[in-house]
Amino acid sequence: MTISKTVNGTELTLALEGRLDTVTAPELEKELKESLDGAERLILDFSKLDYISSAGLRVLLSAHKMMVAKGGMKVTNVNEIVAEVFEVTGFADILDIA
């Protein structure tokens, strides 16, 4: 998985490419821990994310909990495969998905 980071004032955008699974979830978790200081808004761009597993969902839930207190988190450009995972797991009701 590749993570591209863009900072615009207090808004942090992370664009993910590839698979967010058991192998790569710790990489995203590490990036979030290092990058969220000072961020009031987190945008996760999934336009190039092919797959998400339960390990990836766990990292998203953790990030969501952190960002609710700071200002919010939005997941954008979700493909059909990832959207279906969000629907089946109930994450579609929890996350702000655009």
PDB file of N, CA and C in Angstrom:
ATOM      1  N   MET A   1       0.843  -1.179   0.000  1.00  0.00           N
ATOM      2  CA  MET A   1       0.000   0.000   0.000  1.00  0.00           C
ATOM      3  C   MET A   1       0.887   1.241   0.000  1.00  0.00           C
ATOM      4  N   THR A   2       0.452   2.240  -0.737  1.00  0.00           N
ATOM      5  CA  THR A   2       1.134   3.522  -0.786  1.00  0.00           C
ATOM      6  C   THR A   2       0.251   4.568  -0.128  1.00  0.00           C
ATOM      7  N   ILE A   3       0.853   5.409   0.715  1.00  0.00           N
ATOM      8  CA  ILE A   3       0.134   6.489   1.379  1.00  0.00           C
ATOM      9  C   ILE A   3       0.728   7.809   0.925  1.00  0.00           C
ATOM     10  N   SER A   4      -0.112   8.678   0.357  1.00  0.00           N
ATOM     11  CA  SER A   4       0.312  10.026  -0.034  1.00  0.00           C
ATOM     12  C   SER A   4      -0.338  11.013   0.920  1.00  0.00           C
ATOM     13  N   LYS A   5       0.472  11.924   1.446  1.00  0.00           N
ATOM     14  CA  LYS A   5      -0.002  12.853   2.468  1.00  0.00           C
ATOM     15  C   LYS A   5       0.012  14.281   1.937  1.00  0.00           C
ATOM     16  N   THR A   6      -1.086  15.012   2.187  1.00  0.00           N
ATOM     17  CA  THR A   6      -1.182  16.424   1.835  1.00  0.00           C
ATOM     18  C   THR A   6      -1.723  17.170   3.045  1.00  0.00           C
ATOM     19  N   VAL A   7      -1.052  18.265   3.397  1.00  0.00           N
ATOM     20  CA  VAL A   7      -1.507  19.091   4.515  1.00  0.00           C
ATOM     21  C   VAL A   7      -1.905  20.453   3.972  1.00  0.00           C
ATOM     22  N   ASN A   8      -3.116  20.883   4.318  1.00  0.00           N
ATOM     23  CA  ASN A   8      -3.605  22.192   3.914  1.00  0.00           C
ATOM     24  C   ASN A   8      -4.127  22.879   5.177  1.00  0.00           C
ATOM     25  N   GLY A   9      -3.290  23.651   5.809  1.00  0.00           N
ATOM     26  CA  GLY A   9      -3.651  24.274   7.086  1.00  0.00           C
ATOM     27  C   GLY A   9      -3.841  23.204   8.142  1.00  0.00           C
ATOM     28  N   THR A  10      -5.057  23.092   8.683  1.00  0.00           N
ATOM     29  CA  THR A  10      -5.335  22.087   9.709  1.00  0.00           C
ATOM     30  C   THR A  10      -6.032  20.867   9.119  1.00  0.00           C
ATOM     31  N   GLU A  11      -6.094  20.796   7.786  1.00  0.00           N
ATOM     32  CA  GLU A  11      -6.722  19.648   7.120  1.00  0.00           C
ATOM     33  C   GLU A  11      -5.644  18.711   6.580  1.00  0.00           C
ATOM     34  N   LEU A  12      -5.739  17.461   6.970  1.00  0.00           N
ATOM     35  CA  LEU A  12      -4.795  16.429   6.531  1.00  0.00           C
ATOM     36  C   LEU A  12      -5.521  15.483   5.584  1.00  0.00           C
ATOM     37  N   THR A  13      -4.950  15.283   4.409  1.00  0.00           N
ATOM     38  CA  THR A  13      -5.510  14.332   3.451  1.00  0.00           C
ATOM     39  C   THR A  13      -4.516  13.200   3.256  1.00  0.00           C
ATOM     40  N   LEU A  14      -5.001  11.974   3.427  1.00  0.00           N
ATOM     41  CA  LEU A  14      -4.196  10.790   3.155  1.00  0.00           C
ATOM     42  C   LEU A  14      -4.862  10.035   2.016  1.00  0.00           C
ATOM     43  N   ALA A  15      -4.132   9.857   0.926  1.00  0.00           N
ATOM     44  CA  ALA A  15      -4.632   9.097  -0.217  1.00  0.00           C
ATOM     45  C   ALA A  15      -3.990   7.716  -0.162  1.00  0.00           C
ATOM     46  N   LEU A  16      -4.820   6.678  -0.137  1.00  0.00           N
ATOM     47  CA  LEU A  16      -4.325   5.312  -0.032  1.00  0.00           C
ATOM     48  C   LEU A  16      -4.424   4.626  -1.378  1.00  0.00           C
ATOM     49  N   GLU A  17      -3.390   3.855  -1.704  1.00  0.00           N
ATOM     50  CA  GLU A  17      -3.374   3.112  -2.956  1.00  0.00           C
ATOM     51  C   GLU A  17      -2.991   1.668  -2.673  1.00  0.00           C
ATOM     52  N   GLY A  18      -3.786   0.731  -3.175  1.00  0.00           N
ATOM     53  CA  GLY A  18      -3.487  -0.685  -2.981  1.00  0.00           C
ATOM     54  C   GLY A  18      -4.490  -1.348  -2.067  1.00  0.00           C
ATOM     55  N   ARG A  19      -3.978  -2.150  -1.127  1.00  0.00           N
ATOM     56  CA  ARG A  19      -4.824  -2.928  -0.210  1.00  0.00           C
ATOM     57  C   ARG A  19      -4.576  -2.497   1.232  1.00  0.00           C
ATOM     58  N   LEU A  20      -5.656  -2.279   1.958  1.00  0.00           N
ATOM     59  CA  LEU A  20      -5.567  -1.978   3.387  1.00  0.00           C
ATOM     60  C   LEU A  20      -6.004  -3.241   4.115  1.00  0.00           C
ATOM     61  N   ASP A  21      -5.011  -4.018   4.549  1.00  0.00           N
ATOM     62  CA  ASP A  21      -5.297  -5.325   5.151  1.00  0.00           C
ATOM     63  C   ASP A  21      -4.399  -5.559   6.358  1.00  0.00           C
ATOM     64  N   THR A  22      -4.326  -6.780   6.812  1.00  0.00           N
ATOM     65  CA  THR A  22      -3.551  -7.125   8.004  1.00  0.00           C
ATOM     66  C   THR A  22      -2.086  -6.718   7.884  1.00  0.00           C
ATOM     67  N   VAL A  23      -1.549  -6.830   6.687  1.00  0.00           N
ATOM     68  CA  VAL A  23      -0.135  -6.512   6.458  1.00  0.00           C
ATOM     69  C   VAL A  23       0.095  -5.002   6.450  1.00  0.00           C
ATOM     70  N   THR A  24      -0.825  -4.238   5.855  1.00  0.00           N
ATOM     71  CA  THR A  24      -0.596  -2.800   5.660  1.00  0.00           C
ATOM     72  C   THR A  24      -1.272  -1.902   6.691  1.00  0.00           C
ATOM     73  N   ALA A  25      -2.229  -2.420   7.445  1.00  0.00           N
ATOM     74  CA  ALA A  25      -2.929  -1.604   8.449  1.00  0.00           C
ATOM     75  C   ALA A  25      -1.977  -0.953   9.459  1.00  0.00           C
ATOM     76  N   PRO A  26      -0.955  -1.669   9.944  1.00  0.00           N
ATOM     77  CA  PRO A  26      -0.033  -1.017  10.875  1.00  0.00           C
ATOM     78  C   PRO A  26       0.691   0.186  10.269  1.00  0.00           C
ATOM     79  N   GLU A  27       0.915   0.145   8.965  1.00  0.00           N
ATOM     80  CA  GLU A  27       1.553   1.268   8.268  1.00  0.00           C
ATOM     81  C   GLU A  27       0.648   2.507   8.322  1.00  0.00           C
ATOM     82  N   LEU A  28      -0.642   2.330   8.065  1.00  0.00           N
ATOM     83  CA  LEU A  28      -1.580   3.454   8.148  1.00  0.00           C
ATOM     84  C   LEU A  28      -1.702   3.935   9.588  1.00  0.00           C
ATOM     85  N   GLU A  29      -1.768   3.017  10.521  1.00  0.00           N
ATOM     86  CA  GLU A  29      -1.863   3.379  11.936  1.00  0.00           C
ATOM     87  C   GLU A  29      -0.671   4.235  12.359  1.00  0.00           C
ATOM     88  N   LYS A  30       0.511   3.855  11.921  1.00  0.00           N
ATOM     89  CA  LYS A  30       1.736   4.608  12.240  1.00  0.00           C
ATOM     90  C   LYS A  30       1.676   6.004  11.617  1.00  0.00           C
ATOM     91  N   GLU A  31       1.264   6.081  10.355  1.00  0.00           N
ATOM     92  CA  GLU A  31       1.160   7.372   9.664  1.00  0.00           C
ATOM     93  C   GLU A  31       0.171   8.290  10.374  1.00  0.00           C
ATOM     94  N   LEU A  32      -0.961   7.745  10.794  1.00  0.00           N
ATOM     95  CA  LEU A  32      -1.959   8.548  11.499  1.00  0.00           C
ATOM     96  C   LEU A  32      -1.417   9.068  12.824  1.00  0.00           C
ATOM     97  N   LYS A  33      -0.742   8.227  13.583  1.00  0.00           N
ATOM     98  CA  LYS A  33      -0.192   8.655  14.874  1.00  0.00           C
ATOM     99  C   LYS A  33       0.826   9.771  14.695  1.00  0.00           C
ATOM    100  N   GLU A  34       1.606   9.681  13.619  1.00  0.00           N
ATOM    101  CA  GLU A  34       2.644  10.686  13.370  1.00  0.00           C
ATOM    102  C   GLU A  34       2.086  11.976  12.789  1.00  0.00           C
ATOM    103  N   SER A  35       0.960  11.908  12.102  1.00  0.00           N
ATOM    104  CA  SER A  35       0.479  13.048  11.323  1.00  0.00           C
ATOM    105  C   SER A  35      -0.711  13.798  11.912  1.00  0.00           C
ATOM    106  N   LEU A  36      -1.407  13.228  12.879  1.00  0.00           N
ATOM    107  CA  LEU A  36      -2.650  13.841  13.348  1.00  0.00           C
ATOM    108  C   LEU A  36      -2.473  15.009  14.305  1.00  0.00           C
ATOM    109  N   ASP A  37      -1.269  15.209  14.837  1.00  0.00           N
ATOM    110  CA  ASP A  37      -1.052  16.367  15.713  1.00  0.00           C
ATOM    111  C   ASP A  37      -1.300  17.641  14.926  1.00  0.00           C
ATOM    112  N   GLY A  38      -2.184  18.478  15.419  1.00  0.00           N
ATOM    113  CA  GLY A  38      -2.474  19.737  14.748  1.00  0.00           C
ATOM    114  C   GLY A  38      -3.561  19.639  13.689  1.00  0.00           C
ATOM    115  N   ALA A  39      -3.923  18.431  13.311  1.00  0.00           N
ATOM    116  CA  ALA A  39      -4.970  18.266  12.296  1.00  0.00           C
ATOM    117  C   ALA A  39      -6.349  18.373  12.956  1.00  0.00           C
ATOM    118  N   GLU A  40      -7.205  19.188  12.377  1.00  0.00           N
ATOM    119  CA  GLU A  40      -8.577  19.315  12.871  1.00  0.00           C
ATOM    120  C   GLU A  40      -9.548  18.563  11.973  1.00  0.00           C
ATOM    121  N   ARG A  41      -9.112  18.244  10.781  1.00  0.00           N
ATOM    122  CA  ARG A  41      -9.959  17.538   9.804  1.00  0.00           C
ATOM    123  C   ARG A  41      -9.092  16.522   9.070  1.00  0.00           C
ATOM    124  N   LEU A  42      -9.608  15.302   8.957  1.00  0.00           N
ATOM    125  CA  LEU A  42      -8.897  14.236   8.251  1.00  0.00           C
ATOM    126  C   LEU A  42      -9.737  13.795   7.056  1.00  0.00           C
ATOM    127  N   ILE A  43      -9.117  13.804   5.883  1.00  0.00           N
ATOM    128  CA  ILE A  43      -9.759  13.310   4.670  1.00  0.00           C
ATOM    129  C   ILE A  43      -8.991  12.070   4.232  1.00  0.00           C
ATOM    130  N   LEU A  44      -9.699  10.971   4.058  1.00  0.00           N
ATOM    131  CA  LEU A  44      -9.091   9.751   3.545  1.00  0.00           C
ATOM    132  C   LEU A  44      -9.595   9.544   2.122  1.00  0.00           C
ATOM    133  N   ASP A  45      -8.688   9.628   1.159  1.00  0.00           N
ATOM    134  CA  ASP A  45      -9.036   9.478  -0.250  1.00  0.00           C
ATOM    135  C   ASP A  45      -8.801   8.026  -0.649  1.00  0.00           C
ATOM    136  N   PHE A  46      -9.897   7.327  -0.957  1.00  0.00           N
ATOM    137  CA  PHE A  46      -9.827   5.906  -1.296  1.00  0.00           C
ATOM    138  C   PHE A  46      -9.960   5.659  -2.796  1.00  0.00           C
ATOM    139  N   SER A  47      -9.700   6.668  -3.636  1.00  0.00           N
ATOM    140  CA  SER A  47      -9.887   6.509  -5.076  1.00  0.00           C
ATOM    141  C   SER A  47      -9.021   5.395  -5.663  1.00  0.00           C
ATOM    142  N   LYS A  48      -7.896   5.098  -5.033  1.00  0.00           N
ATOM    143  CA  LYS A  48      -7.018   4.043  -5.549  1.00  0.00           C
ATOM    144  C   LYS A  48      -6.890   2.874  -4.574  1.00  0.00           C
ATOM    145  N   LEU A  49      -7.805   2.809  -3.594  1.00  0.00           N
ATOM    146  CA  LEU A  49      -7.801   1.687  -2.649  1.00  0.00           C
ATOM    147  C   LEU A  49      -8.618   0.544  -3.239  1.00  0.00           C
ATOM    148  N   ASP A  50      -7.998  -0.615  -3.374  1.00  0.00           N
ATOM    149  CA  ASP A  50      -8.639  -1.770  -4.013  1.00  0.00           C
ATOM    150  C   ASP A  50      -9.423  -2.634  -3.038  1.00  0.00           C
ATOM    151  N   TYR A  51      -8.990  -2.666  -1.772  1.00  0.00           N
ATOM    152  CA  TYR A  51      -9.542  -3.654  -0.838  1.00  0.00           C
ATOM    153  C   TYR A  51      -9.328  -3.165   0.585  1.00  0.00           C
ATOM    154  N   ILE A  52     -10.266  -3.509   1.478  1.00  0.00           N
ATOM    155  CA  ILE A  52     -10.096  -3.218   2.901  1.00  0.00           C
ATOM    156  C   ILE A  52     -10.542  -4.441   3.706  1.00  0.00           C
ATOM    157  N   SER A  53      -9.740  -4.807   4.696  1.00  0.00           N
ATOM    158  CA  SER A  53     -10.059  -5.955   5.552  1.00  0.00           C
ATOM    159  C   SER A  53     -10.493  -5.455   6.925  1.00  0.00           C
ATOM    160  N   SER A  54     -10.799  -6.383   7.808  1.00  0.00           N
ATOM    161  CA  SER A  54     -11.203  -6.018   9.170  1.00  0.00           C
ATOM    162  C   SER A  54     -10.088  -5.275   9.902  1.00  0.00           C
ATOM    163  N   ALA A  55      -8.846  -5.592   9.586  1.00  0.00           N
ATOM    164  CA  ALA A  55      -7.720  -4.873  10.209  1.00  0.00           C
ATOM    165  C   ALA A  55      -7.736  -3.405   9.783  1.00  0.00           C
ATOM    166  N   GLY A  56      -8.051  -3.162   8.528  1.00  0.00           N
ATOM    167  CA  GLY A  56      -8.160  -1.794   8.033  1.00  0.00           C
ATOM    168  C   GLY A  56      -9.336  -1.068   8.656  1.00  0.00           C
ATOM    169  N   LEU A  57     -10.448  -1.776   8.830  1.00  0.00           N
ATOM    170  CA  LEU A  57     -11.623  -1.179   9.465  1.00  0.00           C
ATOM    171  C   LEU A  57     -11.315  -0.762  10.898  1.00  0.00           C
ATOM    172  N   ARG A  58     -10.539  -1.568  11.585  1.00  0.00           N
ATOM    173  CA  ARG A  58     -10.164  -1.254  12.970  1.00  0.00           C
ATOM    174  C   ARG A  58      -9.382   0.066  13.019  1.00  0.00           C
ATOM    175  N   VAL A  59      -8.458   0.253  12.077  1.00  0.00           N
ATOM    176  CA  VAL A  59      -7.671   1.490  12.037  1.00  0.00           C
ATOM    177  C   VAL A  59      -8.580   2.687  11.722  1.00  0.00           C
ATOM    178  N   LEU A  60      -9.528   2.498  10.798  1.00  0.00           N
ATOM    179  CA  LEU A  60     -10.463   3.577  10.472  1.00  0.00           C
ATOM    180  C   LEU A  60     -11.313   3.966  11.669  1.00  0.00           C
ATOM    181  N   LEU A  61     -11.784   2.970  12.413  1.00  0.00           N
ATOM    182  CA  LEU A  61     -12.603   3.246  13.586  1.00  0.00           C
ATOM    183  C   LEU A  61     -11.804   4.012  14.637  1.00  0.00           C
ATOM    184  N   SER A  62     -10.584   3.627  14.833  1.00  0.00           N
ATOM    185  CA  SER A  62      -9.713   4.307  15.786  1.00  0.00           C
ATOM    186  C   SER A  62      -9.476   5.767  15.360  1.00  0.00           C
ATOM    187  N   ALA A  63      -9.207   5.972  14.071  1.00  0.00           N
ATOM    188  CA  ALA A  63      -8.989   7.329  13.556  1.00  0.00           C
ATOM    189  C   ALA A  63     -10.264   8.155  13.695  1.00  0.00           C
ATOM    190  N   HIS A  64     -11.393   7.546  13.407  1.00  0.00           N
ATOM    191  CA  HIS A  64     -12.689   8.231  13.525  1.00  0.00           C
ATOM    192  C   HIS A  64     -12.905   8.706  14.960  1.00  0.00           C
ATOM    193  N   LYS A  65     -12.635   7.845  15.930  1.00  0.00           N
ATOM    194  CA  LYS A  65     -12.811   8.209  17.339  1.00  0.00           C
ATOM    195  C   LYS A  65     -11.915   9.380  17.723  1.00  0.00           C
ATOM    196  N   MET A  66     -10.672   9.374  17.235  1.00  0.00           N
ATOM    197  CA  MET A  66      -9.745  10.469  17.535  1.00  0.00           C
ATOM    198  C   MET A  66     -10.214  11.777  16.899  1.00  0.00           C
ATOM    199  N   MET A  67     -10.693  11.695  15.657  1.00  0.00           N
ATOM    200  CA  MET A  67     -11.025  12.904  14.913  1.00  0.00           C
ATOM    201  C   MET A  67     -12.375  13.498  15.296  1.00  0.00           C
ATOM    202  N   VAL A  68     -13.276  12.726  15.868  1.00  0.00           N
ATOM    203  CA  VAL A  68     -14.566  13.265  16.302  1.00  0.00           C
ATOM    204  C   VAL A  68     -14.346  14.404  17.290  1.00  0.00           C
ATOM    205  N   ALA A  69     -13.390  14.242  18.169  1.00  0.00           N
ATOM    206  CA  ALA A  69     -13.097  15.261  19.176  1.00  0.00           C
ATOM    207  C   ALA A  69     -12.391  16.480  18.580  1.00  0.00           C
ATOM    208  N   LYS A  70     -11.712  16.291  17.458  1.00  0.00           N
ATOM    209  CA  LYS A  70     -10.917  17.371  16.871  1.00  0.00           C
ATOM    210  C   LYS A  70     -11.659  18.173  15.810  1.00  0.00           C
ATOM    211  N   GLY A  71     -12.586  17.561  15.112  1.00  0.00           N
ATOM    212  CA  GLY A  71     -13.271  18.291  14.049  1.00  0.00           C
ATOM    213  C   GLY A  71     -13.905  17.401  13.001  1.00  0.00           C
ATOM    214  N   GLY A  72     -13.411  16.194  12.845  1.00  0.00           N
ATOM    215  CA  GLY A  72     -14.078  15.276  11.937  1.00  0.00           C
ATOM    216  C   GLY A  72     -13.177  14.573  10.947  1.00  0.00           C
ATOM    217  N   MET A  73     -13.760  13.563  10.329  1.00  0.00           N
ATOM    218  CA  MET A  73     -13.060  12.739   9.360  1.00  0.00           C
ATOM    219  C   MET A  73     -14.029  12.403   8.232  1.00  0.00           C
ATOM    220  N   LYS A  74     -13.537  12.440   7.004  1.00  0.00           N
ATOM    221  CA  LYS A  74     -14.360  12.101   5.845  1.00  0.00           C
ATOM    222  C   LYS A  74     -13.602  11.107   4.975  1.00  0.00           C
ATOM    223  N   VAL A  75     -14.327  10.111   4.465  1.00  0.00           N
ATOM    224  CA  VAL A  75     -13.763   9.133   3.539  1.00  0.00           C
ATOM    225  C   VAL A  75     -14.345   9.453   2.169  1.00  0.00           C
ATOM    226  N   THR A  76     -13.469   9.642   1.178  1.00  0.00           N
ATOM    227  CA  THR A  76     -13.922  10.032  -0.155  1.00  0.00           C
ATOM    228  C   THR A  76     -13.520   9.007  -1.212  1.00  0.00           C
ATOM    229  N   ASN A  77     -14.214   9.073  -2.334  1.00  0.00           N
ATOM    230  CA  ASN A  77     -13.893   8.269  -3.530  1.00  0.00           C
ATOM    231  C   ASN A  77     -13.838   6.772  -3.254  1.00  0.00           C
ATOM    232  N   VAL A  78     -14.861   6.266  -2.597  1.00  0.00           N
ATOM    233  CA  VAL A  78     -14.919   4.852  -2.224  1.00  0.00           C
ATOM    234  C   VAL A  78     -15.448   4.036  -3.411  1.00  0.00           C
ATOM    235  N   ASN A  79     -14.726   2.970  -3.779  1.00  0.00           N
ATOM    236  CA  ASN A  79     -15.191   2.122  -4.879  1.00  0.00           C
ATOM    237  C   ASN A  79     -16.273   1.154  -4.395  1.00  0.00           C
ATOM    238  N   GLU A  80     -16.860   0.408  -5.324  1.00  0.00           N
ATOM    239  CA  GLU A  80     -17.975  -0.485  -4.992  1.00  0.00           C
ATOM    240  C   GLU A  80     -17.591  -1.580  -3.995  1.00  0.00           C
ATOM    241  N   ILE A  81     -16.394  -2.125  -4.131  1.00  0.00           N
ATOM    242  CA  ILE A  81     -15.954  -3.217  -3.257  1.00  0.00           C
ATOM    243  C   ILE A  81     -15.842  -2.723  -1.811  1.00  0.00           C
ATOM    244  N   VAL A  82     -15.179  -1.592  -1.637  1.00  0.00           N
ATOM    245  CA  VAL A  82     -15.004  -1.027  -0.290  1.00  0.00           C
ATOM    246  C   VAL A  82     -16.350  -0.554   0.254  1.00  0.00           C
ATOM    247  N   ALA A  83     -17.179   0.043  -0.597  1.00  0.00           N
ATOM    248  CA  ALA A  83     -18.506   0.507  -0.166  1.00  0.00           C
ATOM    249  C   ALA A  83     -19.351  -0.656   0.335  1.00  0.00           C
ATOM    250  N   GLU A  84     -19.243  -1.798  -0.326  1.00  0.00           N
ATOM    251  CA  GLU A  84     -19.998  -2.977   0.110  1.00  0.00           C
ATOM    252  C   GLU A  84     -19.532  -3.449   1.482  1.00  0.00           C
ATOM    253  N   VAL A  85     -18.225  -3.423   1.714  1.00  0.00           N
ATOM    254  CA  VAL A  85     -17.686  -3.794   3.033  1.00  0.00           C
ATOM    255  C   VAL A  85     -18.226  -2.833   4.087  1.00  0.00           C
ATOM    256  N   PHE A  86     -18.245  -1.527   3.769  1.00  0.00           N
ATOM    257  CA  PHE A  86     -18.784  -0.537   4.707  1.00  0.00           C
ATOM    258  C   PHE A  86     -20.262  -0.801   5.002  1.00  0.00           C
ATOM    259  N   GLU A  87     -21.034  -1.160   3.986  1.00  0.00           N
ATOM    260  CA  GLU A  87     -22.461  -1.436   4.169  1.00  0.00           C
ATOM    261  C   GLU A  87     -22.682  -2.669   5.046  1.00  0.00           C
ATOM    262  N   VAL A  88     -21.994  -3.758   4.727  1.00  0.00           N
ATOM    263  CA  VAL A  88     -22.184  -5.027   5.435  1.00  0.00           C
ATOM    264  C   VAL A  88     -21.769  -4.919   6.906  1.00  0.00           C
ATOM    265  N   THR A  89     -20.720  -4.153   7.170  1.00  0.00           N
ATOM    266  CA  THR A  89     -20.203  -4.047   8.533  1.00  0.00           C
ATOM    267  C   THR A  89     -20.861  -2.951   9.362  1.00  0.00           C
ATOM    268  N   GLY A  90     -21.666  -2.104   8.716  1.00  0.00           N
ATOM    269  CA  GLY A  90     -22.290  -1.008   9.433  1.00  0.00           C
ATOM    270  C   GLY A  90     -21.441   0.266   9.468  1.00  0.00           C
ATOM    271  N   PHE A  91     -20.264   0.225   8.869  1.00  0.00           N
ATOM    272  CA  PHE A  91     -19.390   1.405   8.863  1.00  0.00           C
ATOM    273  C   PHE A  91     -19.999   2.532   8.029  1.00  0.00           C
ATOM    274  N   ALA A  92     -20.878   2.192   7.093  1.00  0.00           N
ATOM    275  CA  ALA A  92     -21.542   3.213   6.283  1.00  0.00           C
ATOM    276  C   ALA A  92     -22.396   4.116   7.162  1.00  0.00           C
ATOM    277  N   ASP A  93     -22.861   3.610   8.291  1.00  0.00           N
ATOM    278  CA  ASP A  93     -23.667   4.399   9.213  1.00  0.00           C
ATOM    279  C   ASP A  93     -22.814   5.202  10.196  1.00  0.00           C
ATOM    280  N   ILE A  94     -21.558   4.825  10.343  1.00  0.00           N
ATOM    281  CA  ILE A  94     -20.666   5.472  11.305  1.00  0.00           C
ATOM    282  C   ILE A  94     -19.831   6.560  10.649  1.00  0.00           C
ATOM    283  N   LEU A  95     -19.261   6.246   9.494  1.00  0.00           N
ATOM    284  CA  LEU A  95     -18.328   7.144   8.828  1.00  0.00           C
ATOM    285  C   LEU A  95     -19.044   8.166   7.958  1.00  0.00           C
ATOM    286  N   ASP A  96     -18.394   9.316   7.772  1.00  0.00           N
ATOM    287  CA  ASP A  96     -18.859  10.323   6.825  1.00  0.00           C
ATOM    288  C   ASP A  96     -18.218   9.964   5.488  1.00  0.00           C
ATOM    289  N   ILE A  97     -19.025   9.437   4.575  1.00  0.00           N
ATOM    290  CA  ILE A  97     -18.511   8.956   3.291  1.00  0.00           C
ATOM    291  C   ILE A  97     -19.077   9.836   2.188  1.00  0.00           C
ATOM    292  N   ALA A  98     -18.169  10.374   1.373  1.00  0.00           N
ATOM    293  CA  ALA A  98     -18.607  11.252   0.273  1.00  0.00           C
ATOM    294  C   ALA A  98     -18.170  10.679  -1.063  1.00  0.00           C
TER     295      ALA A  98
END
